[in-house]
Each structure stands twice: as structure tokens, then as C-alpha cells.
Amino acid sequence: LIQLVQEGHVRGWDDPRMPTLSGVRRRGFPPEALRE
């Protein structure tokens, strides 16, 4: 994931394509869905 960010393959840590929590939050995933 660090490599994807540092090499510019994504917009950053919160890119909506990233499986980071900041990424899925920016994409619009509700926290209730992750808990479920």
C-alpha cells in the first residue's frame, strides 16, 4: 500500500480505490457496513 501511494499509482492513502479505512470512508462506505 505504501508503494502504491509513493509511486503515484493512486491519489493518496485516502484514494477511494484503496482498501484503507480512510479510502473506503471517502468512497462512502458507512462504518456500520464494515462492522456487519
PDB file of all heavy atoms in Angstrom:
ATOM      1  N   LEU A   1       0.825  -1.200   0.000  1.00  0.00           N
ATOM      2  CA  LEU A   1       0.000   0.000   0.000  1.00  0.00           C
ATOM      3  C   LEU A   1       0.864   1.257   0.000  1.00  0.00           C
ATOM      4  O   LEU A   1       0.556   2.235  -0.690  1.00  0.00           O
ATOM      5  CB  LEU A   1      -0.941  -0.009   1.208  1.00  0.00           C
ATOM      6  CG  LEU A   1      -1.988  -1.127   1.232  1.00  0.00           C
ATOM      7  CD1 LEU A   1      -2.809  -1.058   2.511  1.00  0.00           C
ATOM      8  CD2 LEU A   1      -2.892  -1.055   0.019  1.00  0.00           C
ATOM      9  N   ILE A   2       1.952   1.225   0.771  1.00  0.00           N
ATOM     10  CA  ILE A   2       2.891   2.352   0.777  1.00  0.00           C
ATOM     11  C   ILE A   2       3.472   2.554  -0.617  1.00  0.00           C
ATOM     12  O   ILE A   2       3.597   3.688  -1.108  1.00  0.00           O
ATOM     13  CB  ILE A   2       4.004   2.117   1.813  1.00  0.00           C
ATOM     14  CG1 ILE A   2       3.449   2.239   3.234  1.00  0.00           C
ATOM     15  CG2 ILE A   2       5.157   3.100   1.617  1.00  0.00           C
ATOM     16  CD1 ILE A   2       4.430   1.829   4.322  1.00  0.00           C
ATOM     17  N   GLN A   3       3.801   1.458  -1.288  1.00  0.00           N
ATOM     18  CA  GLN A   3       4.357   1.537  -2.639  1.00  0.00           C
ATOM     19  C   GLN A   3       3.351   2.151  -3.614  1.00  0.00           C
ATOM     20  O   GLN A   3       3.718   2.973  -4.463  1.00  0.00           O
ATOM     21  CB  GLN A   3       4.776   0.148  -3.116  1.00  0.00           C
ATOM     22  CG  GLN A   3       5.572   0.152  -4.425  1.00  0.00           C
ATOM     23  CD  GLN A   3       6.088  -1.237  -4.781  1.00  0.00           C
ATOM     24  OE1 GLN A   3       6.011  -2.171  -3.976  1.00  0.00           O
ATOM     25  NE2 GLN A   3       6.604  -1.365  -5.985  1.00  0.00           N
ATOM     26  N   LEU A   4       2.090   1.770  -3.506  1.00  0.00           N
ATOM     27  CA  LEU A   4       1.056   2.345  -4.375  1.00  0.00           C
ATOM     28  C   LEU A   4       0.976   3.857  -4.204  1.00  0.00           C
ATOM     29  O   LEU A   4       0.820   4.596  -5.177  1.00  0.00           O
ATOM     30  CB  LEU A   4      -0.295   1.713  -4.062  1.00  0.00           C
ATOM     31  CG  LEU A   4      -0.517   0.255  -4.493  1.00  0.00           C
ATOM     32  CD1 LEU A   4      -1.826  -0.268  -3.917  1.00  0.00           C
ATOM     33  CD2 LEU A   4      -0.527   0.141  -6.015  1.00  0.00           C
ATOM     34  N   VAL A   5       1.087   4.302  -2.957  1.00  0.00           N
ATOM     35  CA  VAL A   5       0.997   5.738  -2.671  1.00  0.00           C
ATOM     36  C   VAL A   5       2.251   6.465  -3.133  1.00  0.00           C
ATOM     37  O   VAL A   5       2.184   7.476  -3.853  1.00  0.00           O
ATOM     38  CB  VAL A   5       0.750   5.977  -1.163  1.00  0.00           C
ATOM     39  CG1 VAL A   5       0.836   7.462  -0.835  1.00  0.00           C
ATOM     40  CG2 VAL A   5      -0.602   5.415  -0.747  1.00  0.00           C
ATOM     41  N   GLN A   6       3.405   5.961  -2.722  1.00  0.00           N
ATOM     42  CA  GLN A   6       4.655   6.670  -3.003  1.00  0.00           C
ATOM     43  C   GLN A   6       4.986   6.725  -4.487  1.00  0.00           C
ATOM     44  O   GLN A   6       5.601   7.691  -4.952  1.00  0.00           O
ATOM     45  CB  GLN A   6       5.794   6.014  -2.224  1.00  0.00           C
ATOM     46  CG  GLN A   6       5.692   6.208  -0.721  1.00  0.00           C
ATOM     47  CD  GLN A   6       6.837   5.584   0.047  1.00  0.00           C
ATOM     48  OE1 GLN A   6       7.579   4.749  -0.472  1.00  0.00           O
ATOM     49  NE2 GLN A   6       6.989   5.966   1.306  1.00  0.00           N
ATOM     50  N   GLU A   7       4.571   5.715  -5.240  1.00  0.00           N
ATOM     51  CA  GLU A   7       4.857   5.692  -6.667  1.00  0.00           C
ATOM     52  C   GLU A   7       3.752   6.324  -7.511  1.00  0.00           C
ATOM     53  O   GLU A   7       3.830   6.334  -8.744  1.00  0.00           O
ATOM     54  CB  GLU A   7       5.109   4.254  -7.133  1.00  0.00           C
ATOM     55  CG  GLU A   7       6.368   3.640  -6.512  1.00  0.00           C
ATOM     56  CD  GLU A   7       6.634   2.223  -6.998  1.00  0.00           C
ATOM     57  OE1 GLU A   7       5.879   1.739  -7.880  1.00  0.00           O
ATOM     58  OE2 GLU A   7       7.592   1.603  -6.503  1.00  0.00           O
ATOM     59  N   GLY A   8       2.730   6.869  -6.862  1.00  0.00           N
ATOM     60  CA  GLY A   8       1.701   7.622  -7.571  1.00  0.00           C
ATOM     61  C   GLY A   8       0.701   6.792  -8.352  1.00  0.00           C
ATOM     62  O   GLY A   8       0.052   7.306  -9.270  1.00  0.00           O
ATOM     63  N   HIS A   9       0.520   5.535  -7.984  1.00  0.00           N
ATOM     64  CA  HIS A   9      -0.462   4.706  -8.687  1.00  0.00           C
ATOM     65  C   HIS A   9      -1.891   5.054  -8.251  1.00  0.00           C
ATOM     66  O   HIS A   9      -2.846   4.679  -8.937  1.00  0.00           O
ATOM     67  CB  HIS A   9      -0.193   3.227  -8.416  1.00  0.00           C
ATOM     68  CG  HIS A   9       1.162   2.769  -8.870  1.00  0.00           C
ATOM     69  ND1 HIS A   9       1.507   2.661 -10.200  1.00  0.00           N
ATOM     70  CD2 HIS A   9       2.272   2.418  -8.166  1.00  0.00           C
ATOM     71  CE1 HIS A   9       2.755   2.240 -10.297  1.00  0.00           C
ATOM     72  NE2 HIS A   9       3.250   2.097  -9.078  1.00  0.00           N
ATOM     73  N   VAL A  10      -2.022   5.737  -7.119  1.00  0.00           N
ATOM     74  CA  VAL A  10      -3.316   6.176  -6.602  1.00  0.00           C
ATOM     75  C   VAL A  10      -3.178   7.632  -6.160  1.00  0.00           C
ATOM     76  O   VAL A  10      -2.080   8.186  -6.119  1.00  0.00           O
ATOM     77  CB  VAL A  10      -3.775   5.298  -5.415  1.00  0.00           C
ATOM     78  CG1 VAL A  10      -4.094   3.879  -5.881  1.00  0.00           C
ATOM     79  CG2 VAL A  10      -2.714   5.270  -4.318  1.00  0.00           C
ATOM     80  N   ARG A  11      -4.299   8.236  -5.817  1.00  0.00           N
ATOM     81  CA  ARG A  11      -4.305   9.649  -5.432  1.00  0.00           C
ATOM     82  C   ARG A  11      -3.687   9.897  -4.055  1.00  0.00           C
ATOM     83  O   ARG A  11      -3.317  11.021  -3.737  1.00  0.00           O
ATOM     84  CB  ARG A  11      -5.746  10.173  -5.413  1.00  0.00           C
ATOM     85  CG  ARG A  11      -6.406  10.254  -6.788  1.00  0.00           C
ATOM     86  CD  ARG A  11      -7.873  10.660  -6.638  1.00  0.00           C
ATOM     87  NE  ARG A  11      -8.552  10.757  -7.928  1.00  0.00           N
ATOM     88  CZ  ARG A  11      -8.693  11.883  -8.614  1.00  0.00           C
ATOM     89  NH1 ARG A  11      -8.199  13.007  -8.140  1.00  0.00           N
ATOM     90  NH2 ARG A  11      -9.326  11.894  -9.762  1.00  0.00           N
ATOM     91  N   GLY A  12      -3.608   8.869  -3.251  1.00  0.00           N
ATOM     92  CA  GLY A  12      -3.074   9.016  -1.895  1.00  0.00           C
ATOM     93  C   GLY A  12      -3.640   7.918  -1.017  1.00  0.00           C
ATOM     94  O   GLY A  12      -4.323   6.995  -1.474  1.00  0.00           O
ATOM     95  N   TRP A  13      -3.358   8.012   0.287  1.00  0.00           N
ATOM     96  CA  TRP A  13      -3.830   6.998   1.226  1.00  0.00           C
ATOM     97  C   TRP A  13      -5.345   6.911   1.243  1.00  0.00           C
ATOM     98  O   TRP A  13      -5.913   5.843   1.510  1.00  0.00           O
ATOM     99  CB  TRP A  13      -3.317   7.301   2.628  1.00  0.00           C
ATOM    100  CG  TRP A  13      -1.892   6.926   2.853  1.00  0.00           C
ATOM    101  CD1 TRP A  13      -0.817   7.771   2.906  1.00  0.00           C
ATOM    102  CD2 TRP A  13      -1.355   5.613   3.077  1.00  0.00           C
ATOM    103  NE1 TRP A  13       0.341   7.069   3.136  1.00  0.00           N
ATOM    104  CE2 TRP A  13       0.039   5.736   3.250  1.00  0.00           C
ATOM    105  CE3 TRP A  13      -1.933   4.342   3.149  1.00  0.00           C
ATOM    106  CZ2 TRP A  13       0.865   4.644   3.481  1.00  0.00           C
ATOM    107  CZ3 TRP A  13      -1.112   3.240   3.379  1.00  0.00           C
ATOM    108  CH2 TRP A  13       0.274   3.400   3.551  1.00  0.00           C
ATOM    109  N   ASP A  14      -6.031   8.032   1.003  1.00  0.00           N
ATOM    110  CA  ASP A  14      -7.497   8.020   1.057  1.00  0.00           C
ATOM    111  C   ASP A  14      -8.121   7.947  -0.324  1.00  0.00           C
ATOM    112  O   ASP A  14      -9.300   8.289  -0.499  1.00  0.00           O
ATOM    113  CB  ASP A  14      -8.015   9.242   1.821  1.00  0.00           C
ATOM    114  CG  ASP A  14      -7.723  10.564   1.109  1.00  0.00           C
ATOM    115  OD1 ASP A  14      -6.926  10.555   0.148  1.00  0.00           O
ATOM    116  OD2 ASP A  14      -8.302  11.591   1.520  1.00  0.00           O
ATOM    117  N   ASP A  15      -7.361   7.505  -1.316  1.00  0.00           N
ATOM    118  CA  ASP A  15      -7.943   7.270  -2.634  1.00  0.00           C
ATOM    119  C   ASP A  15      -9.085   6.257  -2.462  1.00  0.00           C
ATOM    120  O   ASP A  15      -8.922   5.229  -1.800  1.00  0.00           O
ATOM    121  CB  ASP A  15      -6.870   6.712  -3.572  1.00  0.00           C
ATOM    122  CG  ASP A  15      -7.351   6.570  -5.011  1.00  0.00           C
ATOM    123  OD1 ASP A  15      -8.334   5.821  -5.236  1.00  0.00           O
ATOM    124  OD2 ASP A  15      -6.746   7.179  -5.909  1.00  0.00           O
ATOM    125  N   PRO A  16     -10.259   6.514  -3.046  1.00  0.00           N
ATOM    126  CA  PRO A  16     -11.394   5.598  -2.874  1.00  0.00           C
ATOM    127  C   PRO A  16     -11.157   4.185  -3.400  1.00  0.00           C
ATOM    128  O   PRO A  16     -11.940   3.284  -3.084  1.00  0.00           O
ATOM    129  CB  PRO A  16     -12.520   6.290  -3.653  1.00  0.00           C
ATOM    130  CG  PRO A  16     -12.167   7.747  -3.610  1.00  0.00           C
ATOM    131  CD  PRO A  16     -10.667   7.770  -3.718  1.00  0.00           C
ATOM    132  N   ARG A  17     -10.109   3.979  -4.183  1.00  0.00           N
ATOM    133  CA  ARG A  17      -9.785   2.619  -4.635  1.00  0.00           C
ATOM    134  C   ARG A  17      -8.945   1.867  -3.614  1.00  0.00           C
ATOM    135  O   ARG A  17      -8.805   0.641  -3.704  1.00  0.00           O
ATOM    136  CB  ARG A  17      -9.010   2.682  -5.961  1.00  0.00           C
ATOM    137  CG  ARG A  17      -9.815   3.186  -7.134  1.00  0.00           C
ATOM    138  CD  ARG A  17      -8.910   3.533  -8.298  1.00  0.00           C
ATOM    139  NE  ARG A  17      -8.079   4.698  -8.003  1.00  0.00           N
ATOM    140  CZ  ARG A  17      -7.197   5.223  -8.847  1.00  0.00           C
ATOM    141  NH1 ARG A  17      -7.007   4.657 -10.020  1.00  0.00           N
ATOM    142  NH2 ARG A  17      -6.500   6.284  -8.498  1.00  0.00           N
ATOM    143  N   MET A  18      -8.382   2.587  -2.668  1.00  0.00           N
ATOM    144  CA  MET A  18      -7.516   1.962  -1.671  1.00  0.00           C
ATOM    145  C   MET A  18      -8.351   1.235  -0.610  1.00  0.00           C
ATOM    146  O   MET A  18      -9.406   1.715  -0.196  1.00  0.00           O
ATOM    147  CB  MET A  18      -6.644   3.020  -1.002  1.00  0.00           C
ATOM    148  CG  MET A  18      -5.550   3.578  -1.897  1.00  0.00           C
ATOM    149  SD  MET A  18      -4.137   2.461  -2.013  1.00  0.00           S
ATOM    150  CE  MET A  18      -3.272   2.900  -0.486  1.00  0.00           C
ATOM    151  N   PRO A  19      -7.862   0.083  -0.118  1.00  0.00           N
ATOM    152  CA  PRO A  19      -8.583  -0.637   0.931  1.00  0.00           C
ATOM    153  C   PRO A  19      -8.278  -0.099   2.322  1.00  0.00           C
ATOM    154  O   PRO A  19      -8.440  -0.814   3.319  1.00  0.00           O
ATOM    155  CB  PRO A  19      -8.066  -2.067   0.764  1.00  0.00           C
ATOM    156  CG  PRO A  19      -6.643  -1.892   0.318  1.00  0.00           C
ATOM    157  CD  PRO A  19      -6.666  -0.673  -0.582  1.00  0.00           C
ATOM    158  N   THR A  20      -7.812   1.152   2.394  1.00  0.00           N
ATOM    159  CA  THR A  20      -7.593   1.782   3.688  1.00  0.00           C
ATOM    160  C   THR A  20      -8.934   2.246   4.254  1.00  0.00           C
ATOM    161  O   THR A  20      -9.891   2.489   3.511  1.00  0.00           O
ATOM    162  CB  THR A  20      -6.660   2.997   3.542  1.00  0.00           C
ATOM    163  OG1 THR A  20      -7.202   3.884   2.548  1.00  0.00           O
ATOM    164  CG2 THR A  20      -5.270   2.567   3.113  1.00  0.00           C
ATOM    165  N   LEU A  21      -9.001   2.393   5.570  1.00  0.00           N
ATOM    166  CA  LEU A  21     -10.246   2.868   6.164  1.00  0.00           C
ATOM    167  C   LEU A  21     -10.541   4.299   5.730  1.00  0.00           C
ATOM    168  O   LEU A  21     -11.703   4.663   5.535  1.00  0.00           O
ATOM    169  CB  LEU A  21     -10.177   2.763   7.691  1.00  0.00           C
ATOM    170  CG  LEU A  21     -10.005   1.343   8.247  1.00  0.00           C
ATOM    171  CD1 LEU A  21     -10.196   1.345   9.759  1.00  0.00           C
ATOM    172  CD2 LEU A  21     -10.966   0.369   7.590  1.00  0.00           C
ATOM    173  N   SER A  22      -9.495   5.111   5.561  1.00  0.00           N
ATOM    174  CA  SER A  22      -9.726   6.463   5.065  1.00  0.00           C
ATOM    175  C   SER A  22     -10.179   6.440   3.610  1.00  0.00           C
ATOM    176  O   SER A  22     -10.961   7.293   3.180  1.00  0.00           O
ATOM    177  CB  SER A  22      -8.454   7.312   5.208  1.00  0.00           C
ATOM    178  OG  SER A  22      -7.359   6.695   4.552  1.00  0.00           O
ATOM    179  N   GLY A  23      -9.728   5.443   2.851  1.00  0.00           N
ATOM    180  CA  GLY A  23     -10.147   5.315   1.459  1.00  0.00           C
ATOM    181  C   GLY A  23     -11.606   4.910   1.331  1.00  0.00           C
ATOM    182  O   GLY A  23     -12.366   5.498   0.552  1.00  0.00           O
ATOM    183  N   VAL A  24     -12.019   3.881   2.084  1.00  0.00           N
ATOM    184  CA  VAL A  24     -13.412   3.449   1.979  1.00  0.00           C
ATOM    185  C   VAL A  24     -14.352   4.470   2.616  1.00  0.00           C
ATOM    186  O   VAL A  24     -15.511   4.594   2.204  1.00  0.00           O
ATOM    187  CB  VAL A  24     -13.618   2.043   2.596  1.00  0.00           C
ATOM    188  CG1 VAL A  24     -12.777   1.013   1.862  1.00  0.00           C
ATOM    189  CG2 VAL A  24     -13.331   2.019   4.091  1.00  0.00           C
ATOM    190  N   ARG A  25     -13.874   5.218   3.606  1.00  0.00           N
ATOM    191  CA  ARG A  25     -14.688   6.291   4.174  1.00  0.00           C
ATOM    192  C   ARG A  25     -14.922   7.369   3.120  1.00  0.00           C
ATOM    193  O   ARG A  25     -16.047   7.861   2.942  1.00  0.00           O
ATOM    194  CB  ARG A  25     -13.995   6.879   5.403  1.00  0.00           C
ATOM    195  CG  ARG A  25     -14.781   8.011   6.052  1.00  0.00           C
ATOM    196  CD  ARG A  25     -14.285   8.326   7.451  1.00  0.00           C
ATOM    197  NE  ARG A  25     -12.934   8.840   7.495  1.00  0.00           N
ATOM    198  CZ  ARG A  25     -11.898   8.188   8.017  1.00  0.00           C
ATOM    199  NH1 ARG A  25     -12.071   6.964   8.505  1.00  0.00           N
ATOM    200  NH2 ARG A  25     -10.705   8.725   8.047  1.00  0.00           N
ATOM    201  N   ARG A  26     -13.860   7.749   2.392  1.00  0.00           N
ATOM    202  CA  ARG A  26     -14.009   8.748   1.340  1.00  0.00           C
ATOM    203  C   ARG A  26     -14.910   8.225   0.216  1.00  0.00           C
ATOM    204  O   ARG A  26     -15.638   8.998  -0.420  1.00  0.00           O
ATOM    205  CB  ARG A  26     -12.632   9.119   0.782  1.00  0.00           C
ATOM    206  CG  ARG A  26     -12.671  10.192  -0.288  1.00  0.00           C
ATOM    207  CD  ARG A  26     -11.273  10.602  -0.695  1.00  0.00           C
ATOM    208  NE  ARG A  26     -11.293  11.614  -1.737  1.00  0.00           N
ATOM    209  CZ  ARG A  26     -10.204  12.149  -2.293  1.00  0.00           C
ATOM    210  NH1 ARG A  26      -9.006  11.763  -1.884  1.00  0.00           N
ATOM    211  NH2 ARG A  26     -10.312  13.064  -3.246  1.00  0.00           N
ATOM    212  N   ARG A  27     -14.877   6.927  -0.008  1.00  0.00           N
ATOM    213  CA  ARG A  27     -15.718   6.338  -1.050  1.00  0.00           C
ATOM    214  C   ARG A  27     -17.189   6.319  -0.652  1.00  0.00           C
ATOM    215  O   ARG A  27     -18.069   6.189  -1.501  1.00  0.00           O
ATOM    216  CB  ARG A  27     -15.241   4.918  -1.347  1.00  0.00           C
ATOM    217  CG  ARG A  27     -15.925   4.276  -2.539  1.00  0.00           C
ATOM    218  CD  ARG A  27     -15.125   3.128  -3.064  1.00  0.00           C
ATOM    219  NE  ARG A  27     -15.792   2.437  -4.139  1.00  0.00           N
ATOM    220  CZ  ARG A  27     -15.193   1.586  -4.968  1.00  0.00           C
ATOM    221  NH1 ARG A  27     -13.906   1.333  -4.817  1.00  0.00           N
ATOM    222  NH2 ARG A  27     -15.867   0.985  -5.920  1.00  0.00           N
ATOM    223  N   GLY A  28     -17.459   6.439   0.647  1.00  0.00           N
ATOM    224  CA  GLY A  28     -18.839   6.486   1.103  1.00  0.00           C
ATOM    225  C   GLY A  28     -19.302   5.254   1.832  1.00  0.00           C
ATOM    226  O   GLY A  28     -20.490   5.127   2.155  1.00  0.00           O
ATOM    227  N   PHE A  29     -18.393   4.324   2.146  1.00  0.00           N
ATOM    228  CA  PHE A  29     -18.786   3.141   2.908  1.00  0.00           C
ATOM    229  C   PHE A  29     -19.197   3.577   4.317  1.00  0.00           C
ATOM    230  O   PHE A  29     -18.440   4.272   4.998  1.00  0.00           O
ATOM    231  CB  PHE A  29     -17.625   2.151   3.030  1.00  0.00           C
ATOM    232  CG  PHE A  29     -17.328   1.369   1.782  1.00  0.00           C
ATOM    233  CD1 PHE A  29     -17.753   1.808   0.536  1.00  0.00           C
ATOM    234  CD2 PHE A  29     -16.614   0.190   1.851  1.00  0.00           C
ATOM    235  CE1 PHE A  29     -17.474   1.086  -0.615  1.00  0.00           C
ATOM    236  CE2 PHE A  29     -16.333  -0.547   0.713  1.00  0.00           C
ATOM    237  CZ  PHE A  29     -16.761  -0.099  -0.525  1.00  0.00           C
ATOM    238  N   PRO A  30     -20.365   3.182   4.798  1.00  0.00           N
ATOM    239  CA  PRO A  30     -20.733   3.515   6.180  1.00  0.00           C
ATOM    240  C   PRO A  30     -20.027   2.581   7.158  1.00  0.00           C
ATOM    241  O   PRO A  30     -19.811   1.400   6.857  1.00  0.00           O
ATOM    242  CB  PRO A  30     -22.247   3.298   6.206  1.00  0.00           C
ATOM    243  CG  PRO A  30     -22.512   2.322   5.111  1.00  0.00           C
ATOM    244  CD  PRO A  30     -21.454   2.514   4.069  1.00  0.00           C
ATOM    245  N   PRO A  31     -19.660   3.059   8.331  1.00  0.00           N
ATOM    246  CA  PRO A  31     -18.965   2.203   9.301  1.00  0.00           C
ATOM    247  C   PRO A  31     -19.799   1.001   9.716  1.00  0.00           C
ATOM    248  O   PRO A  31     -19.258  -0.066   9.999  1.00  0.00           O
ATOM    249  CB  PRO A  31     -18.692   3.145  10.481  1.00  0.00           C
ATOM    250  CG  PRO A  31     -19.656   4.276  10.322  1.00  0.00           C
ATOM    251  CD  PRO A  31     -19.855   4.436   8.852  1.00  0.00           C
ATOM    252  N   GLU A  32     -21.136   1.166   9.729  1.00  0.00           N
ATOM    253  CA  GLU A  32     -21.998   0.041  10.090  1.00  0.00           C
ATOM    254  C   GLU A  32     -21.810  -1.126   9.124  1.00  0.00           C
ATOM    255  O   GLU A  32     -21.913  -2.296   9.512  1.00  0.00           O
ATOM    256  CB  GLU A  32     -23.472   0.474  10.092  1.00  0.00           C
ATOM    257  CG  GLU A  32     -23.805   1.573  11.073  1.00  0.00           C
ATOM    258  CD  GLU A  32     -23.591   2.965  10.496  1.00  0.00           C
ATOM    259  OE1 GLU A  32     -23.009   3.081   9.386  1.00  0.00           O
ATOM    260  OE2 GLU A  32     -23.991   3.938  11.155  1.00  0.00           O
ATOM    261  N   ALA A  33     -21.552  -0.806   7.850  1.00  0.00           N
ATOM    262  CA  ALA A  33     -21.362  -1.856   6.846  1.00  0.00           C
ATOM    263  C   ALA A  33     -20.083  -2.637   7.113  1.00  0.00           C
ATOM    264  O   ALA A  33     -20.040  -3.863   6.938  1.00  0.00           O
ATOM    265  CB  ALA A  33     -21.330  -1.242   5.449  1.00  0.00           C
ATOM    266  N   LEU A  34     -19.027  -1.947   7.538  1.00  0.00           N
ATOM    267  CA  LEU A  34     -17.776  -2.642   7.845  1.00  0.00           C
ATOM    268  C   LEU A  34     -17.929  -3.523   9.070  1.00  0.00           C
ATOM    269  O   LEU A  34     -17.407  -4.647   9.110  1.00  0.00           O
ATOM    270  CB  LEU A  34     -16.636  -1.636   8.044  1.00  0.00           C
ATOM    271  CG  LEU A  34     -15.800  -1.354   6.790  1.00  0.00           C
ATOM    272  CD1 LEU A  34     -16.637  -0.653   5.739  1.00  0.00           C
ATOM    273  CD2 LEU A  34     -14.574  -0.526   7.135  1.00  0.00           C
ATOM    274  N   ARG A  35     -18.650  -3.036  10.061  1.00  0.00           N
ATOM    275  CA  ARG A  35     -18.868  -3.856  11.256  1.00  0.00           C
ATOM    276  C   ARG A  35     -19.695  -5.092  10.898  1.00  0.00           C
ATOM    277  O   ARG A  35     -19.422  -6.196  11.385  1.00  0.00           O
ATOM    278  CB  ARG A  35     -19.557  -3.032  12.349  1.00  0.00           C
ATOM    279  CG  ARG A  35     -18.723  -1.864  12.867  1.00  0.00           C
ATOM    280  CD  ARG A  35     -19.213  -1.373  14.222  1.00  0.00           C
ATOM    281  NE  ARG A  35     -20.579  -0.889  14.180  1.00  0.00           N
ATOM    282  CZ  ARG A  35     -20.932   0.372  13.965  1.00  0.00           C
ATOM    283  NH1 ARG A  35     -19.985   1.281  13.753  1.00  0.00           N
ATOM    284  NH2 ARG A  35     -22.196   0.742  13.974  1.00  0.00           N
ATOM    285  N   GLU A  36     -20.696  -4.917  10.055  1.00  0.00           N
ATOM    286  CA  GLU A  36     -21.505  -6.056   9.619  1.00  0.00           C
ATOM    287  C   GLU A  36     -20.673  -7.038   8.802  1.00  0.00           C
ATOM    288  O   GLU A  36     -20.789  -8.261   8.969  1.00  0.00           O
ATOM    289  CB  GLU A  36     -22.690  -5.556   8.778  1.00  0.00           C
ATOM    290  CG  GLU A  36     -23.536  -6.638   8.130  1.00  0.00           C
ATOM    291  CD  GLU A  36     -24.268  -7.517   9.128  1.00  0.00           C
ATOM    292  OE1 GLU A  36     -24.410  -7.100  10.301  1.00  0.00           O
ATOM    293  OE2 GLU A  36     -24.704  -8.620   8.735  1.00  0.00           O
TER     294      GLU A  36
END
